[in-house]
Amino acid sequence: AAVARALHQDLFADAVLLGRYPDLGGPHAEAFERLGRVDPADLRVIGEPLDHYGVALADPIRVAAVPRLVTGSTAIPFAELPWTDHPASLDGHPVAPDLVPAVLADLRARYGDALPPVVLSGLDAAHPEQVDDRDGSRRDPRRAHAISDHLVQAIAAVAPGGAAEGVRLEAVIAGSLLDGFEWEAGRAHPRGLVHVDPRTGDRTPRSSYRFLRDTLRERG
């Protein structure tokens, strides 16, 4: 778990927020020994103060140790496990708003006052939608629920008495406003709050767009 965490988070966040790389000892220390030879001047540049720190929630992972690795091996000592207890987006990524408080609390515990205001992103997963043949309207309730649930969890976590009280939550980015070309998925898994016809360029707001618009209006 420590190696998985280092590869996916600490190698990047520690350098940026603390100006140093994590101490990765143990049986796999050899794989990371070059980190000890990084020029301190480079680390000072990497660790320059930030206005904000971005956290992408798009693709959380769950891991388990791989048994019987040869001593001294530099092979990755863990394997990713499926998420059977969370719904998945069309891209296969878990939709797990319940993890937001744990993520924010972990950042607070590890970085303390070194943590700048946080911006959460990665809520632009692809979700199923229904198209009304009569008027062309598009309903994507799962996207709206995912955005709502992430917002609720994040706001509650940083509130007084919350799991991540003290974290300065600056913004939550819902994702892409418009459909685009999404890497290997192309246009098959659109992620926008607004549908874009690839032939005509016509734009149709989805129900998730209207949900977010109305929510923001209510909050003033």
C-alpha atoms as a PDB file:
ATOM      1  CA  ALA A   1       0.000   0.000   0.000  1.00  0.00           C
ATOM      2  CA  ALA A   2       2.863   2.382   0.786  1.00  0.00           C
ATOM      3  CA  VAL A   3       4.453   1.842  -2.622  1.00  0.00           C
ATOM      4  CA  ALA A   4       1.102   2.233  -4.404  1.00  0.00           C
ATOM      5  CA  ARG A   5       0.431   5.451  -2.531  1.00  0.00           C
ATOM      6  CA  ALA A   6       3.898   6.779  -3.309  1.00  0.00           C
ATOM      7  CA  LEU A   7       3.628   6.059  -7.028  1.00  0.00           C
ATOM      8  CA  HIS A   8       0.170   7.561  -7.387  1.00  0.00           C
ATOM      9  CA  GLN A   9       0.376  10.473  -4.960  1.00  0.00           C
ATOM     10  CA  ASP A  10       3.284  11.115  -2.614  1.00  0.00           C
ATOM     11  CA  LEU A  11       6.079  11.298  -5.201  1.00  0.00           C
ATOM     12  CA  PHE A  12       4.259  14.234  -6.759  1.00  0.00           C
ATOM     13  CA  ALA A  13       2.517  15.910  -3.834  1.00  0.00           C
ATOM     14  CA  ASP A  14       5.429  15.762  -1.381  1.00  0.00           C
ATOM     15  CA  ALA A  15       7.790  17.367  -3.875  1.00  0.00           C
ATOM     16  CA  VAL A  16       5.329  20.113  -4.758  1.00  0.00           C
ATOM     17  CA  LEU A  17       4.025  20.847  -1.264  1.00  0.00           C
ATOM     18  CA  LEU A  18       6.966  19.944   0.977  1.00  0.00           C
ATOM     19  CA  GLY A  19       9.907  20.456  -1.349  1.00  0.00           C
ATOM     20  CA  ARG A  20      11.199  16.921  -0.888  1.00  0.00           C
ATOM     21  CA  TYR A  21      10.531  13.376  -2.007  1.00  0.00           C
ATOM     22  CA  PRO A  22       9.154  10.795   0.442  1.00  0.00           C
ATOM     23  CA  ASP A  23      11.557   8.437   2.190  1.00  0.00           C
ATOM     24  CA  LEU A  24      10.822   5.104   0.534  1.00  0.00           C
ATOM     25  CA  GLY A  25      12.827   2.516   2.404  1.00  0.00           C
ATOM     26  CA  GLY A  26      12.128  -1.170   2.771  1.00  0.00           C
ATOM     27  CA  PRO A  27      12.534  -3.974   0.251  1.00  0.00           C
ATOM     28  CA  HIS A  28      11.870  -1.735  -2.757  1.00  0.00           C
ATOM     29  CA  ALA A  29      14.134   1.149  -1.782  1.00  0.00           C
ATOM     30  CA  GLU A  30      16.501   0.416  -4.667  1.00  0.00           C
ATOM     31  CA  ALA A  31      13.778   1.243  -7.190  1.00  0.00           C
ATOM     32  CA  PHE A  32      13.583   4.787  -5.803  1.00  0.00           C
ATOM     33  CA  GLU A  33      17.213   5.444  -4.927  1.00  0.00           C
ATOM     34  CA  ARG A  34      17.634   8.022  -7.703  1.00  0.00           C
ATOM     35  CA  LEU A  35      15.274  10.333  -5.852  1.00  0.00           C
ATOM     36  CA  GLY A  36      18.011  10.868  -3.310  1.00  0.00           C
ATOM     37  CA  ARG A  37      20.260  12.327  -5.999  1.00  0.00           C
ATOM     38  CA  VAL A  38      17.874  15.061  -7.165  1.00  0.00           C
ATOM     39  CA  ASP A  39      19.509  18.489  -7.157  1.00  0.00           C
ATOM     40  CA  PRO A  40      18.237  20.459  -4.118  1.00  0.00           C
ATOM     41  CA  ALA A  41      17.958  23.514  -6.365  1.00  0.00           C
ATOM     42  CA  ASP A  42      15.466  21.627  -8.522  1.00  0.00           C
ATOM     43  CA  LEU A  43      13.448  20.687  -5.458  1.00  0.00           C
ATOM     44  CA  ARG A  44      13.333  24.326  -4.379  1.00  0.00           C
ATOM     45  CA  VAL A  45      11.840  25.236  -7.751  1.00  0.00           C
ATOM     46  CA  ILE A  46       9.393  22.317  -7.654  1.00  0.00           C
ATOM     47  CA  GLY A  47       8.337  23.302  -4.142  1.00  0.00           C
ATOM     48  CA  GLU A  48       7.626  26.970  -4.879  1.00  0.00           C
ATOM     49  CA  PRO A  49       4.391  28.077  -3.136  1.00  0.00           C
ATOM     50  CA  LEU A  50       1.147  27.450  -5.016  1.00  0.00           C
ATOM     51  CA  ASP A  51      -2.030  29.496  -5.195  1.00  0.00           C
ATOM     52  CA  HIS A  52      -4.105  26.307  -5.371  1.00  0.00           C
ATOM     53  CA  TYR A  53      -3.618  22.544  -5.257  1.00  0.00           C
ATOM     54  CA  GLY A  54      -5.702  20.450  -7.638  1.00  0.00           C
ATOM     55  CA  VAL A  55      -7.038  17.015  -6.735  1.00  0.00           C
ATOM     56  CA  ALA A  56      -8.555  14.885  -9.500  1.00  0.00           C
ATOM     57  CA  LEU A  57     -11.216  12.444  -8.320  1.00  0.00           C
ATOM     58  CA  ALA A  58     -11.695  10.779 -11.693  1.00  0.00           C
ATOM     59  CA  ASP A  59     -10.115   7.367 -11.187  1.00  0.00           C
ATOM     60  CA  PRO A  60      -9.510   6.138  -7.628  1.00  0.00           C
ATOM     61  CA  ILE A  61      -7.721   2.815  -7.309  1.00  0.00           C
ATOM     62  CA  ARG A  62      -7.861  -0.073  -4.852  1.00  0.00           C
ATOM     63  CA  VAL A  63      -4.822  -2.305  -4.477  1.00  0.00           C
ATOM     64  CA  ALA A  64      -3.659  -5.537  -2.877  1.00  0.00           C
ATOM     65  CA  ALA A  65      -0.144  -6.815  -2.283  1.00  0.00           C
ATOM     66  CA  VAL A  66       1.308  -9.283  -4.765  1.00  0.00           C
ATOM     67  CA  PRO A  67       2.727 -12.242  -2.808  1.00  0.00           C
ATOM     68  CA  ARG A  68       6.092 -13.917  -3.223  1.00  0.00           C
ATOM     69  CA  LEU A  69       8.042 -11.235  -5.055  1.00  0.00           C
ATOM     70  CA  VAL A  70      11.762 -11.979  -5.204  1.00  0.00           C
ATOM     71  CA  THR A  71      13.747 -10.034  -2.626  1.00  0.00           C
ATOM     72  CA  GLY A  72      15.262  -6.938  -4.204  1.00  0.00           C
ATOM     73  CA  SER A  73      12.885  -7.046  -7.154  1.00  0.00           C
ATOM     74  CA  THR A  74      11.955  -3.696  -8.650  1.00  0.00           C
ATOM     75  CA  ALA A  75       8.648  -5.081  -9.940  1.00  0.00           C
ATOM     76  CA  ILE A  76       5.499  -3.299  -8.829  1.00  0.00           C
ATOM     77  CA  PRO A  77       4.502  -5.129  -5.611  1.00  0.00           C
ATOM     78  CA  PHE A  78       0.762  -4.559  -5.875  1.00  0.00           C
ATOM     79  CA  ALA A  79      -2.158  -5.182  -8.201  1.00  0.00           C
ATOM     80  CA  GLU A  80      -5.281  -3.108  -8.757  1.00  0.00           C
ATOM     81  CA  LEU A  81      -8.562  -4.630  -7.608  1.00  0.00           C
ATOM     82  CA  PRO A  82     -12.025  -4.101  -9.085  1.00  0.00           C
ATOM     83  CA  TRP A  83     -14.537  -1.847  -7.370  1.00  0.00           C
ATOM     84  CA  THR A  84     -17.511  -4.120  -6.798  1.00  0.00           C
ATOM     85  CA  ASP A  85     -19.199  -1.911  -4.196  1.00  0.00           C
ATOM     86  CA  HIS A  86     -19.491   1.285  -6.263  1.00  0.00           C
ATOM     87  CA  PRO A  87     -21.291   2.039  -9.531  1.00  0.00           C
ATOM     88  CA  ALA A  88     -19.105   2.601 -12.571  1.00  0.00           C
ATOM     89  CA  SER A  89     -19.106   5.241 -15.269  1.00  0.00           C
ATOM     90  CA  LEU A  90     -19.226   4.283 -18.939  1.00  0.00           C
ATOM     91  CA  ASP A  91     -15.426   4.442 -18.870  1.00  0.00           C
ATOM     92  CA  GLY A  92     -15.355   1.801 -16.151  1.00  0.00           C
ATOM     93  CA  HIS A  93     -14.141   4.132 -13.407  1.00  0.00           C
ATOM     94  CA  PRO A  94     -15.782   3.896  -9.967  1.00  0.00           C
ATOM     95  CA  VAL A  95     -18.111   6.705  -8.973  1.00  0.00           C
ATOM     96  CA  ALA A  96     -17.179   7.074  -5.319  1.00  0.00           C
ATOM     97  CA  PRO A  97     -18.187  10.381  -3.715  1.00  0.00           C
ATOM     98  CA  ASP A  98     -17.942   8.745  -0.288  1.00  0.00           C
ATOM     99  CA  LEU A  99     -14.148   8.787  -0.676  1.00  0.00           C
ATOM    100  CA  VAL A 100     -13.976  12.591  -0.848  1.00  0.00           C
ATOM    101  CA  PRO A 101     -13.866  13.158   2.947  1.00  0.00           C
ATOM    102  CA  ALA A 102     -11.069  10.591   3.310  1.00  0.00           C
ATOM    103  CA  VAL A 103      -9.035  12.197   0.522  1.00  0.00           C
ATOM    104  CA  LEU A 104      -9.364  15.685   1.990  1.00  0.00           C
ATOM    105  CA  ALA A 105      -8.691  14.501   5.549  1.00  0.00           C
ATOM    106  CA  ASP A 106      -5.574  12.672   4.380  1.00  0.00           C
ATOM    107  CA  LEU A 107      -4.257  15.796   2.675  1.00  0.00           C
ATOM    108  CA  ARG A 108      -4.816  17.838   5.822  1.00  0.00           C
ATOM    109  CA  ALA A 109      -3.103  15.234   8.023  1.00  0.00           C
ATOM    110  CA  ARG A 110      -0.064  14.870   5.768  1.00  0.00           C
ATOM    111  CA  TYR A 111       0.529  18.468   4.709  1.00  0.00           C
ATOM    112  CA  GLY A 112      -1.067  20.639   7.376  1.00  0.00           C
ATOM    113  CA  ASP A 113      -0.356  24.326   6.855  1.00  0.00           C
ATOM    114  CA  ALA A 114       1.642  23.537   3.700  1.00  0.00           C
ATOM    115  CA  LEU A 115      -1.581  22.637   1.895  1.00  0.00           C
ATOM    116  CA  PRO A 116      -2.838  25.534  -0.268  1.00  0.00           C
ATOM    117  CA  PRO A 117      -6.525  26.042  -1.063  1.00  0.00           C
ATOM    118  CA  VAL A 118      -7.794  22.890  -2.757  1.00  0.00           C
ATOM    119  CA  VAL A 119      -9.604  22.624  -6.079  1.00  0.00           C
ATOM    120  CA  LEU A 120     -11.414  19.335  -6.711  1.00  0.00           C
ATOM    121  CA  SER A 121     -11.841  18.147 -10.286  1.00  0.00           C
ATOM    122  CA  GLY A 122     -12.450  14.950 -12.207  1.00  0.00           C
ATOM    123  CA  LEU A 123     -16.247  14.863 -12.016  1.00  0.00           C
ATOM    124  CA  ASP A 124     -16.647  14.726 -15.795  1.00  0.00           C
ATOM    125  CA  ALA A 125     -17.096  10.968 -16.128  1.00  0.00           C
ATOM    126  CA  ALA A 126     -19.213   9.596 -18.968  1.00  0.00           C
ATOM    127  CA  HIS A 127     -22.693   8.474 -17.932  1.00  0.00           C
ATOM    128  CA  PRO A 128     -25.681   6.976 -19.752  1.00  0.00           C
ATOM    129  CA  GLU A 129     -28.366   9.303 -21.026  1.00  0.00           C
ATOM    130  CA  GLN A 130     -31.843   9.053 -22.475  1.00  0.00           C
ATOM    131  CA  VAL A 131     -32.852  11.083 -25.517  1.00  0.00           C
ATOM    132  CA  ASP A 132     -36.481  12.102 -25.993  1.00  0.00           C
ATOM    133  CA  ASP A 133     -37.337  11.556 -29.657  1.00  0.00           C
ATOM    134  CA  ARG A 134     -40.121  14.133 -29.464  1.00  0.00           C
ATOM    135  CA  ASP A 135     -38.085  17.193 -28.565  1.00  0.00           C
ATOM    136  CA  GLY A 136     -34.466  16.000 -28.540  1.00  0.00           C
ATOM    137  CA  SER A 137     -34.010  16.701 -24.835  1.00  0.00           C
ATOM    138  CA  ARG A 138     -31.365  14.680 -23.032  1.00  0.00           C
ATOM    139  CA  ARG A 139     -31.614  13.296 -19.514  1.00  0.00           C
ATOM    140  CA  ASP A 140     -28.509  12.093 -17.676  1.00  0.00           C
ATOM    141  CA  PRO A 141     -29.622  11.676 -14.047  1.00  0.00           C
ATOM    142  CA  ARG A 142     -26.580   9.624 -13.044  1.00  0.00           C
ATOM    143  CA  ARG A 143     -24.242  12.494 -13.941  1.00  0.00           C
ATOM    144  CA  ALA A 144     -26.377  14.948 -11.980  1.00  0.00           C
ATOM    145  CA  HIS A 145     -26.437  12.602  -8.975  1.00  0.00           C
ATOM    146  CA  ALA A 146     -22.665  12.119  -9.141  1.00  0.00           C
ATOM    147  CA  ILE A 147     -22.031  15.867  -9.207  1.00  0.00           C
ATOM    148  CA  SER A 148     -24.515  16.468  -6.393  1.00  0.00           C
ATOM    149  CA  ASP A 149     -23.128  13.681  -4.204  1.00  0.00           C
ATOM    150  CA  HIS A 150     -19.530  14.853  -4.642  1.00  0.00           C
ATOM    151  CA  LEU A 151     -20.510  18.431  -3.786  1.00  0.00           C
ATOM    152  CA  VAL A 152     -22.406  17.350  -0.670  1.00  0.00           C
ATOM    153  CA  GLN A 153     -19.543  15.176   0.554  1.00  0.00           C
ATOM    154  CA  ALA A 154     -16.904  17.836  -0.104  1.00  0.00           C
ATOM    155  CA  ILE A 155     -18.806  20.671   1.573  1.00  0.00           C
ATOM    156  CA  ALA A 156     -19.659  18.516   4.602  1.00  0.00           C
ATOM    157  CA  ALA A 157     -16.063  17.317   4.942  1.00  0.00           C
ATOM    158  CA  VAL A 158     -14.566  20.813   5.262  1.00  0.00           C
ATOM    159  CA  ALA A 159     -17.369  22.230   7.423  1.00  0.00           C
ATOM    160  CA  PRO A 160     -16.790  22.717  11.175  1.00  0.00           C
ATOM    161  CA  GLY A 161     -16.683  19.267  12.744  1.00  0.00           C
ATOM    162  CA  GLY A 162     -16.213  17.600   9.367  1.00  0.00           C
ATOM    163  CA  ALA A 163     -13.621  14.949   8.581  1.00  0.00           C
ATOM    164  CA  ALA A 164     -11.413  17.516   6.827  1.00  0.00           C
ATOM    165  CA  GLU A 165     -12.156  20.616   8.884  1.00  0.00           C
ATOM    166  CA  GLY A 166      -9.478  23.197   8.204  1.00  0.00           C
ATOM    167  CA  VAL A 167      -8.967  22.336   4.544  1.00  0.00           C
ATOM    168  CA  ARG A 168      -9.639  25.408   2.420  1.00  0.00           C
ATOM    169  CA  LEU A 169     -11.866  24.140  -0.379  1.00  0.00           C
ATOM    170  CA  GLU A 170     -11.602  26.777  -3.083  1.00  0.00           C
ATOM    171  CA  ALA A 171     -13.652  25.196  -5.875  1.00  0.00           C
ATOM    172  CA  VAL A 172     -15.179  22.026  -7.263  1.00  0.00           C
ATOM    173  CA  ILE A 173     -14.948  21.690 -11.035  1.00  0.00           C
ATOM    174  CA  ALA A 174     -17.906  19.745 -12.379  1.00  0.00           C
ATOM    175  CA  GLY A 175     -16.096  18.903 -15.612  1.00  0.00           C
ATOM    176  CA  SER A 176     -16.356  19.807 -19.245  1.00  0.00           C
ATOM    177  CA  LEU A 177     -19.100  22.184 -20.314  1.00  0.00           C
ATOM    178  CA  LEU A 178     -19.188  20.765 -23.855  1.00  0.00           C
ATOM    179  CA  ASP A 179     -18.721  17.308 -25.348  1.00  0.00           C
ATOM    180  CA  GLY A 180     -15.321  16.731 -26.898  1.00  0.00           C
ATOM    181  CA  PHE A 181     -13.042  14.026 -28.258  1.00  0.00           C
ATOM    182  CA  GLU A 182     -12.184  11.902 -25.225  1.00  0.00           C
ATOM    183  CA  TRP A 183      -8.860  10.173 -25.781  1.00  0.00           C
ATOM    184  CA  GLU A 184      -9.242   6.518 -26.806  1.00  0.00           C
ATOM    185  CA  ALA A 185     -13.025   6.669 -26.308  1.00  0.00           C
ATOM    186  CA  GLY A 186     -13.317   9.338 -29.001  1.00  0.00           C
ATOM    187  CA  ARG A 187     -16.897  10.588 -29.123  1.00  0.00           C
ATOM    188  CA  ALA A 188     -18.394   7.328 -27.863  1.00  0.00           C
ATOM    189  CA  HIS A 189     -18.412   8.412 -24.201  1.00  0.00           C
ATOM    190  CA  PRO A 190     -19.330  12.114 -24.078  1.00  0.00           C
ATOM    191  CA  ARG A 191     -18.649  13.912 -20.820  1.00  0.00           C
ATOM    192  CA  GLY A 192     -20.036  17.388 -21.335  1.00  0.00           C
ATOM    193  CA  LEU A 193     -22.872  19.042 -19.488  1.00  0.00           C
ATOM    194  CA  VAL A 194     -23.976  20.133 -22.950  1.00  0.00           C
ATOM    195  CA  HIS A 195     -24.322  17.697 -25.856  1.00  0.00           C
ATOM    196  CA  VAL A 196     -22.612  18.743 -29.081  1.00  0.00           C
ATOM    197  CA  ASP A 197     -23.779  17.183 -32.340  1.00  0.00           C
ATOM    198  CA  PRO A 198     -20.535  16.106 -34.078  1.00  0.00           C
ATOM    199  CA  ARG A 199     -22.007  16.766 -37.522  1.00  0.00           C
ATOM    200  CA  THR A 200     -23.821  20.062 -37.081  1.00  0.00           C
ATOM    201  CA  GLY A 201     -22.241  21.489 -33.927  1.00  0.00           C
ATOM    202  CA  ASP A 202     -25.718  22.039 -32.441  1.00  0.00           C
ATOM    203  CA  ARG A 203     -25.664  22.221 -28.648  1.00  0.00           C
ATOM    204  CA  THR A 204     -28.293  20.739 -26.344  1.00  0.00           C
ATOM    205  CA  PRO A 205     -28.028  21.234 -22.578  1.00  0.00           C
ATOM    206  CA  ARG A 206     -28.419  17.972 -20.679  1.00  0.00           C
ATOM    207  CA  SER A 207     -30.508  17.642 -17.536  1.00  0.00           C
ATOM    208  CA  SER A 208     -27.255  17.674 -15.506  1.00  0.00           C
ATOM    209  CA  TYR A 209     -26.529  21.139 -16.910  1.00  0.00           C
ATOM    210  CA  ARG A 210     -29.924  22.395 -15.785  1.00  0.00           C
ATOM    211  CA  PHE A 211     -29.453  20.781 -12.366  1.00  0.00           C
ATOM    212  CA  LEU A 212     -26.128  22.529 -11.830  1.00  0.00           C
ATOM    213  CA  ARG A 213     -27.453  25.836 -13.172  1.00  0.00           C
ATOM    214  CA  ASP A 214     -30.442  25.760 -10.827  1.00  0.00           C
ATOM    215  CA  THR A 215     -28.306  24.713  -7.843  1.00  0.00           C
ATOM    216  CA  LEU A 216     -25.924  27.621  -8.368  1.00  0.00           C
ATOM    217  CA  ARG A 217     -28.824  30.039  -8.734  1.00  0.00           C
ATOM    218  CA  GLU A 218     -30.310  28.875  -5.438  1.00  0.00           C
ATOM    219  CA  ARG A 219     -26.989  29.410  -3.666  1.00  0.00           C
ATOM    220  CA  GLY A 220     -26.822  32.952  -5.036  1.00  0.00           C
END
